[in-house]
Amino acid sequence: MMPGIFSRIVNGELPCNKIAESNDYLAFLDVFPLRFGHVLVIPKKETDYIFDLEDAEYTGLMDFAKHIAGAIKKAFPCKKVGMCVIGLEVPHAHIHLVPINTVADMNFSAEKLKPTQEELSAHAEKIKAYL
């Protein structure tokens, strides 16, 4: 079986706008964000369904995401950083962290933004400055 897109990012085969990384987790910008500052947080171990993660992996992922969410909120001022797990589009567990001011900001059927690579790089640096 071929590694999925997120595993290829973890392995350095595909580029990403990395926000943070640990031995077990990786956070990077969504290239088609709902809002600027939209980050994906993944376990490095390829697991399709988030609730199939071992308890320690799951809580570790949530702790890692919480740290990233704090930086997103400072970099992209908003009422809250929304968190969503859908898990249908990529067979690798991941959490969406999205700076939101209204419920509509988390509408995944809305048209996605199409930032340039320069914008994505700048957004990544902005978030990393608060970590």
N, C-alpha and C. Protein backbone atom coordinates (compact mmCIF):
# COMPACT_ATOMS: atom_id res chain seq x y z
N MET A 1 0.83 -1.19 0.00
CA MET A 1 0.00 0.00 0.00
C MET A 1 0.88 1.26 0.00
N MET A 2 0.55 2.19 -0.86
CA MET A 2 1.32 3.43 -0.95
C MET A 2 1.01 4.34 0.24
N PRO A 3 2.03 5.04 0.74
CA PRO A 3 1.76 5.97 1.84
C PRO A 3 0.82 7.09 1.38
N GLY A 4 -0.04 7.52 2.29
CA GLY A 4 -0.98 8.59 1.98
C GLY A 4 -0.27 9.94 1.90
N ILE A 5 -1.02 10.95 1.49
CA ILE A 5 -0.45 12.29 1.31
C ILE A 5 0.17 12.84 2.60
N PHE A 6 -0.48 12.62 3.74
CA PHE A 6 0.07 13.15 4.99
C PHE A 6 1.34 12.41 5.40
N SER A 7 1.39 11.10 5.16
CA SER A 7 2.61 10.35 5.47
C SER A 7 3.74 10.82 4.55
N ARG A 8 3.42 11.16 3.32
CA ARG A 8 4.44 11.67 2.39
C ARG A 8 4.95 13.03 2.86
N ILE A 9 4.07 13.84 3.47
CA ILE A 9 4.49 15.12 4.05
C ILE A 9 5.41 14.85 5.26
N VAL A 10 4.99 13.94 6.13
CA VAL A 10 5.79 13.58 7.31
C VAL A 10 7.18 13.10 6.89
N ASN A 11 7.25 12.30 5.82
CA ASN A 11 8.51 11.73 5.35
C ASN A 11 9.35 12.72 4.54
N GLY A 12 8.85 13.94 4.32
CA GLY A 12 9.60 14.95 3.58
C GLY A 12 9.52 14.78 2.07
N GLU A 13 8.64 13.89 1.59
CA GLU A 13 8.51 13.67 0.15
C GLU A 13 7.66 14.77 -0.50
N LEU A 14 6.80 15.39 0.28
CA LEU A 14 5.98 16.50 -0.20
C LEU A 14 6.19 17.69 0.73
N PRO A 15 6.19 18.91 0.19
CA PRO A 15 6.41 20.09 1.02
C PRO A 15 5.17 20.44 1.83
N CYS A 16 5.39 21.19 2.90
CA CYS A 16 4.28 21.74 3.68
C CYS A 16 4.75 23.03 4.32
N ASN A 17 3.82 23.82 4.78
CA ASN A 17 4.13 25.04 5.54
C ASN A 17 4.02 24.66 7.00
N LYS A 18 5.15 24.13 7.51
CA LYS A 18 5.20 23.57 8.86
C LYS A 18 5.05 24.65 9.92
N ILE A 19 4.20 24.35 10.90
CA ILE A 19 4.01 25.23 12.05
C ILE A 19 4.83 24.70 13.23
N ALA A 20 4.71 23.41 13.50
CA ALA A 20 5.42 22.80 14.62
C ALA A 20 5.51 21.30 14.39
N GLU A 21 6.50 20.69 15.06
CA GLU A 21 6.71 19.26 14.91
C GLU A 21 7.30 18.71 16.20
N SER A 22 6.86 17.52 16.54
CA SER A 22 7.46 16.79 17.67
C SER A 22 7.83 15.42 17.13
N ASN A 23 8.27 14.53 17.99
CA ASN A 23 8.58 13.17 17.53
C ASN A 23 7.35 12.46 16.99
N ASP A 24 6.17 12.81 17.52
CA ASP A 24 4.95 12.06 17.18
C ASP A 24 3.89 12.83 16.39
N TYR A 25 4.01 14.17 16.35
CA TYR A 25 2.94 14.98 15.75
C TYR A 25 3.52 16.05 14.84
N LEU A 26 2.67 16.51 13.91
CA LEU A 26 3.06 17.55 12.98
C LEU A 26 1.87 18.49 12.76
N ALA A 27 2.15 19.79 12.73
CA ALA A 27 1.13 20.79 12.44
C ALA A 27 1.60 21.60 11.23
N PHE A 28 0.70 21.77 10.26
CA PHE A 28 1.04 22.53 9.06
C PHE A 28 -0.21 23.21 8.52
N LEU A 29 0.01 24.25 7.71
CA LEU A 29 -1.12 24.99 7.16
C LEU A 29 -1.87 24.15 6.13
N ASP A 30 -3.20 24.29 6.14
CA ASP A 30 -4.03 23.71 5.09
C ASP A 30 -3.80 24.55 3.85
N VAL A 31 -3.50 23.92 2.71
CA VAL A 31 -3.24 24.70 1.49
C VAL A 31 -4.51 25.25 0.85
N PHE A 32 -5.67 24.71 1.23
CA PHE A 32 -6.96 25.24 0.79
C PHE A 32 -7.79 25.56 2.03
N PRO A 33 -7.40 26.61 2.76
CA PRO A 33 -8.02 26.90 4.06
C PRO A 33 -9.44 27.46 3.96
N LEU A 34 -10.19 27.24 5.04
CA LEU A 34 -11.49 27.90 5.19
C LEU A 34 -11.26 29.37 5.53
N ARG A 35 -10.27 29.61 6.38
CA ARG A 35 -9.89 30.96 6.82
C ARG A 35 -8.38 31.01 6.90
N PHE A 36 -7.81 32.19 6.76
CA PHE A 36 -6.36 32.30 6.92
C PHE A 36 -6.00 31.90 8.34
N GLY A 37 -4.97 31.08 8.47
CA GLY A 37 -4.57 30.56 9.78
C GLY A 37 -5.08 29.15 10.03
N HIS A 38 -5.77 28.54 9.06
CA HIS A 38 -6.31 27.17 9.16
C HIS A 38 -5.15 26.17 9.15
N VAL A 39 -5.03 25.44 10.26
CA VAL A 39 -3.92 24.50 10.45
C VAL A 39 -4.45 23.07 10.58
N LEU A 40 -3.69 22.12 10.04
CA LEU A 40 -3.97 20.70 10.22
C LEU A 40 -2.97 20.15 11.22
N VAL A 41 -3.45 19.36 12.16
CA VAL A 41 -2.59 18.72 13.17
C VAL A 41 -2.78 17.22 13.03
N ILE A 42 -1.65 16.52 12.84
CA ILE A 42 -1.73 15.08 12.58
C ILE A 42 -0.78 14.29 13.47
N PRO A 43 -1.14 13.03 13.74
CA PRO A 43 -0.14 12.13 14.33
C PRO A 43 0.76 11.70 13.17
N LYS A 44 2.04 11.52 13.43
CA LYS A 44 2.94 11.09 12.36
C LYS A 44 2.65 9.65 11.94
N LYS A 45 2.22 8.85 12.90
CA LYS A 45 1.87 7.46 12.59
C LYS A 45 0.57 7.46 11.79
N GLU A 46 0.61 6.81 10.65
CA GLU A 46 -0.58 6.80 9.78
C GLU A 46 -1.67 5.92 10.39
N THR A 47 -2.73 6.57 10.83
CA THR A 47 -3.91 5.91 11.38
C THR A 47 -5.10 6.60 10.74
N ASP A 48 -5.97 5.86 10.10
CA ASP A 48 -7.08 6.44 9.36
C ASP A 48 -8.08 7.16 10.26
N TYR A 49 -8.56 6.48 11.28
CA TYR A 49 -9.67 6.96 12.10
C TYR A 49 -9.14 7.45 13.44
N ILE A 50 -9.42 8.70 13.76
CA ILE A 50 -8.86 9.32 14.97
C ILE A 50 -9.15 8.51 16.24
N PHE A 51 -10.30 7.86 16.29
CA PHE A 51 -10.65 7.11 17.50
C PHE A 51 -10.02 5.71 17.52
N ASP A 52 -9.22 5.39 16.50
CA ASP A 52 -8.41 4.17 16.52
C ASP A 52 -7.03 4.43 17.12
N LEU A 53 -6.70 5.70 17.39
CA LEU A 53 -5.43 6.01 18.04
C LEU A 53 -5.42 5.41 19.44
N GLU A 54 -4.25 5.00 19.90
CA GLU A 54 -4.11 4.56 21.29
C GLU A 54 -4.43 5.77 22.18
N ASP A 55 -4.87 5.54 23.40
CA ASP A 55 -5.25 6.63 24.30
C ASP A 55 -4.14 7.67 24.45
N ALA A 56 -2.91 7.22 24.65
CA ALA A 56 -1.80 8.15 24.84
C ALA A 56 -1.53 8.96 23.56
N GLU A 57 -1.69 8.33 22.40
CA GLU A 57 -1.51 9.04 21.13
C GLU A 57 -2.59 10.10 20.96
N TYR A 58 -3.82 9.73 21.29
CA TYR A 58 -4.96 10.65 21.16
C TYR A 58 -4.79 11.87 22.08
N THR A 59 -4.48 11.62 23.35
CA THR A 59 -4.32 12.75 24.28
C THR A 59 -3.09 13.58 23.92
N GLY A 60 -2.05 12.94 23.42
CA GLY A 60 -0.87 13.66 22.96
C GLY A 60 -1.20 14.57 21.79
N LEU A 61 -2.01 14.06 20.86
CA LEU A 61 -2.44 14.85 19.70
C LEU A 61 -3.25 16.07 20.16
N MET A 62 -4.15 15.86 21.11
CA MET A 62 -4.97 16.97 21.62
C MET A 62 -4.11 18.00 22.36
N ASP A 63 -3.15 17.55 23.15
CA ASP A 63 -2.24 18.48 23.84
C ASP A 63 -1.43 19.30 22.83
N PHE A 64 -0.94 18.63 21.80
CA PHE A 64 -0.16 19.30 20.75
C PHE A 64 -1.05 20.33 20.04
N ALA A 65 -2.29 19.94 19.71
CA ALA A 65 -3.22 20.84 19.03
C ALA A 65 -3.56 22.05 19.90
N LYS A 66 -3.70 21.84 21.19
CA LYS A 66 -4.03 22.93 22.11
C LYS A 66 -2.93 23.99 22.09
N HIS A 67 -1.70 23.55 22.08
CA HIS A 67 -0.55 24.47 22.03
C HIS A 67 -0.57 25.29 20.72
N ILE A 68 -0.86 24.63 19.62
CA ILE A 68 -0.92 25.30 18.31
C ILE A 68 -2.09 26.28 18.27
N ALA A 69 -3.24 25.89 18.81
CA ALA A 69 -4.43 26.75 18.81
C ALA A 69 -4.16 28.08 19.50
N GLY A 70 -3.40 28.06 20.58
CA GLY A 70 -3.07 29.29 21.29
C GLY A 70 -2.29 30.25 20.40
N ALA A 71 -1.36 29.71 19.62
CA ALA A 71 -0.56 30.54 18.71
C ALA A 71 -1.42 31.06 17.56
N ILE A 72 -2.32 30.24 17.05
CA ILE A 72 -3.20 30.68 15.96
C ILE A 72 -4.04 31.86 16.42
N LYS A 73 -4.60 31.76 17.64
CA LYS A 73 -5.48 32.81 18.16
C LYS A 73 -4.74 34.15 18.28
N LYS A 74 -3.47 34.11 18.64
CA LYS A 74 -2.68 35.34 18.74
C LYS A 74 -2.30 35.87 17.35
N ALA A 75 -1.96 34.97 16.44
CA ALA A 75 -1.51 35.37 15.10
C ALA A 75 -2.67 35.87 14.23
N PHE A 76 -3.84 35.26 14.40
CA PHE A 76 -5.03 35.61 13.62
C PHE A 76 -6.16 35.90 14.61
N PRO A 77 -6.19 37.13 15.16
CA PRO A 77 -7.18 37.45 16.19
C PRO A 77 -8.60 37.05 15.78
N CYS A 78 -9.27 36.34 16.69
CA CYS A 78 -10.59 35.80 16.43
C CYS A 78 -11.27 35.54 17.77
N LYS A 79 -12.57 35.24 17.73
CA LYS A 79 -13.27 34.91 18.98
C LYS A 79 -12.76 33.61 19.56
N LYS A 80 -12.61 32.60 18.71
CA LYS A 80 -12.15 31.28 19.15
C LYS A 80 -11.39 30.61 18.02
N VAL A 81 -10.67 29.56 18.36
CA VAL A 81 -10.11 28.68 17.34
C VAL A 81 -11.00 27.44 17.36
N GLY A 82 -11.72 27.25 16.28
CA GLY A 82 -12.61 26.09 16.17
C GLY A 82 -11.80 24.85 15.86
N MET A 83 -12.30 23.71 16.35
CA MET A 83 -11.64 22.43 16.11
C MET A 83 -12.65 21.49 15.49
N CYS A 84 -12.20 20.80 14.44
CA CYS A 84 -13.10 19.88 13.76
C CYS A 84 -12.33 18.66 13.29
N VAL A 85 -12.95 17.52 13.41
CA VAL A 85 -12.41 16.29 12.86
C VAL A 85 -13.49 15.72 11.95
N ILE A 86 -13.16 15.59 10.67
CA ILE A 86 -14.11 15.00 9.73
C ILE A 86 -13.59 13.63 9.31
N GLY A 87 -12.39 13.62 8.74
CA GLY A 87 -11.73 12.35 8.48
C GLY A 87 -12.18 11.59 7.25
N LEU A 88 -12.92 12.23 6.36
CA LEU A 88 -13.38 11.52 5.16
C LEU A 88 -12.48 11.77 3.95
N GLU A 89 -11.86 12.94 3.89
CA GLU A 89 -11.13 13.33 2.68
C GLU A 89 -9.72 12.75 2.58
N VAL A 90 -9.07 12.49 3.69
CA VAL A 90 -7.72 11.91 3.70
C VAL A 90 -7.71 10.78 4.73
N PRO A 91 -7.25 9.57 4.34
CA PRO A 91 -7.26 8.45 5.28
C PRO A 91 -6.11 8.49 6.29
N HIS A 92 -6.01 9.60 7.00
CA HIS A 92 -4.97 9.80 8.03
C HIS A 92 -5.60 10.75 9.03
N ALA A 93 -5.70 10.32 10.28
CA ALA A 93 -6.34 11.14 11.32
C ALA A 93 -5.77 12.55 11.31
N HIS A 94 -6.64 13.54 11.39
CA HIS A 94 -6.19 14.93 11.46
C HIS A 94 -7.25 15.82 12.07
N ILE A 95 -6.76 16.87 12.71
CA ILE A 95 -7.62 17.87 13.35
C ILE A 95 -7.48 19.16 12.57
N HIS A 96 -8.62 19.78 12.26
CA HIS A 96 -8.62 21.10 11.65
C HIS A 96 -8.71 22.12 12.79
N LEU A 97 -7.81 23.11 12.79
CA LEU A 97 -7.88 24.23 13.72
C LEU A 97 -8.10 25.48 12.87
N VAL A 98 -9.23 26.15 13.10
CA VAL A 98 -9.62 27.28 12.25
C VAL A 98 -9.97 28.48 13.11
N PRO A 99 -9.32 29.64 12.85
CA PRO A 99 -9.71 30.85 13.58
C PRO A 99 -11.12 31.26 13.15
N ILE A 100 -12.03 31.40 14.11
CA ILE A 100 -13.42 31.69 13.77
C ILE A 100 -14.00 32.85 14.58
N ASN A 101 -14.95 33.52 13.96
CA ASN A 101 -15.74 34.55 14.63
C ASN A 101 -17.22 34.19 14.62
N THR A 102 -17.62 33.32 13.67
CA THR A 102 -19.00 32.85 13.60
C THR A 102 -18.99 31.37 13.25
N VAL A 103 -20.11 30.71 13.47
CA VAL A 103 -20.24 29.29 13.12
C VAL A 103 -20.01 29.08 11.63
N ALA A 104 -20.42 30.04 10.82
CA ALA A 104 -20.27 29.93 9.36
C ALA A 104 -18.80 29.81 8.94
N ASP A 105 -17.89 30.27 9.79
CA ASP A 105 -16.47 30.19 9.46
C ASP A 105 -15.96 28.74 9.44
N MET A 106 -16.75 27.82 9.98
CA MET A 106 -16.37 26.40 9.98
C MET A 106 -17.18 25.58 8.97
N ASN A 107 -17.74 26.25 7.96
CA ASN A 107 -18.54 25.55 6.96
C ASN A 107 -17.62 24.91 5.92
N PHE A 108 -17.44 23.60 6.02
CA PHE A 108 -16.53 22.90 5.13
C PHE A 108 -17.07 22.73 3.72
N SER A 109 -18.35 23.06 3.49
CA SER A 109 -18.83 23.01 2.11
C SER A 109 -18.70 24.37 1.42
N ALA A 110 -18.26 25.38 2.17
CA ALA A 110 -18.03 26.70 1.57
C ALA A 110 -16.81 26.62 0.65
N GLU A 111 -16.74 27.58 -0.28
CA GLU A 111 -15.58 27.63 -1.17
C GLU A 111 -14.32 27.92 -0.35
N LYS A 112 -13.27 27.16 -0.63
CA LYS A 112 -12.01 27.32 0.10
C LYS A 112 -11.24 28.52 -0.44
N LEU A 113 -10.40 29.09 0.40
CA LEU A 113 -9.51 30.16 -0.03
C LEU A 113 -8.38 29.55 -0.86
N LYS A 114 -7.75 30.37 -1.68
CA LYS A 114 -6.64 29.87 -2.50
C LYS A 114 -5.43 30.80 -2.33
N PRO A 115 -4.82 30.75 -1.14
CA PRO A 115 -3.67 31.62 -0.89
C PRO A 115 -2.46 31.24 -1.75
N THR A 116 -1.62 32.22 -2.03
CA THR A 116 -0.38 31.95 -2.75
C THR A 116 0.62 31.30 -1.81
N GLN A 117 1.68 30.73 -2.35
CA GLN A 117 2.72 30.13 -1.52
C GLN A 117 3.36 31.20 -0.63
N GLU A 118 3.49 32.42 -1.14
CA GLU A 118 4.06 33.52 -0.36
C GLU A 118 3.17 33.83 0.84
N GLU A 119 1.85 33.87 0.61
CA GLU A 119 0.90 34.12 1.71
C GLU A 119 0.98 33.00 2.74
N LEU A 120 1.01 31.76 2.27
CA LEU A 120 1.09 30.62 3.19
C LEU A 120 2.37 30.69 4.03
N SER A 121 3.49 31.00 3.39
CA SER A 121 4.76 31.10 4.13
C SER A 121 4.66 32.20 5.19
N ALA A 122 4.09 33.33 4.82
CA ALA A 122 3.95 34.44 5.77
C ALA A 122 3.02 34.06 6.92
N HIS A 123 1.92 33.35 6.62
CA HIS A 123 0.98 32.93 7.66
C HIS A 123 1.66 31.94 8.62
N ALA A 124 2.44 31.02 8.07
CA ALA A 124 3.16 30.04 8.91
C ALA A 124 4.12 30.77 9.86
N GLU A 125 4.87 31.73 9.34
CA GLU A 125 5.82 32.48 10.18
C GLU A 125 5.09 33.25 11.26
N LYS A 126 3.94 33.82 10.91
CA LYS A 126 3.14 34.59 11.86
C LYS A 126 2.71 33.71 13.04
N ILE A 127 2.24 32.51 12.75
CA ILE A 127 1.81 31.58 13.81
C ILE A 127 3.02 31.12 14.63
N LYS A 128 4.10 30.74 13.94
CA LYS A 128 5.29 30.23 14.64
C LYS A 128 5.87 31.28 15.60
N ALA A 129 5.69 32.54 15.29
CA ALA A 129 6.20 33.61 16.16
C ALA A 129 5.57 33.56 17.55
N TYR A 130 4.40 32.94 17.67
CA TYR A 130 3.70 32.86 18.96
C TYR A 130 3.87 31.53 19.68
N LEU A 131 4.66 30.64 19.11
CA LEU A 131 4.88 29.33 19.77
C LEU A 131 5.98 29.42 20.81
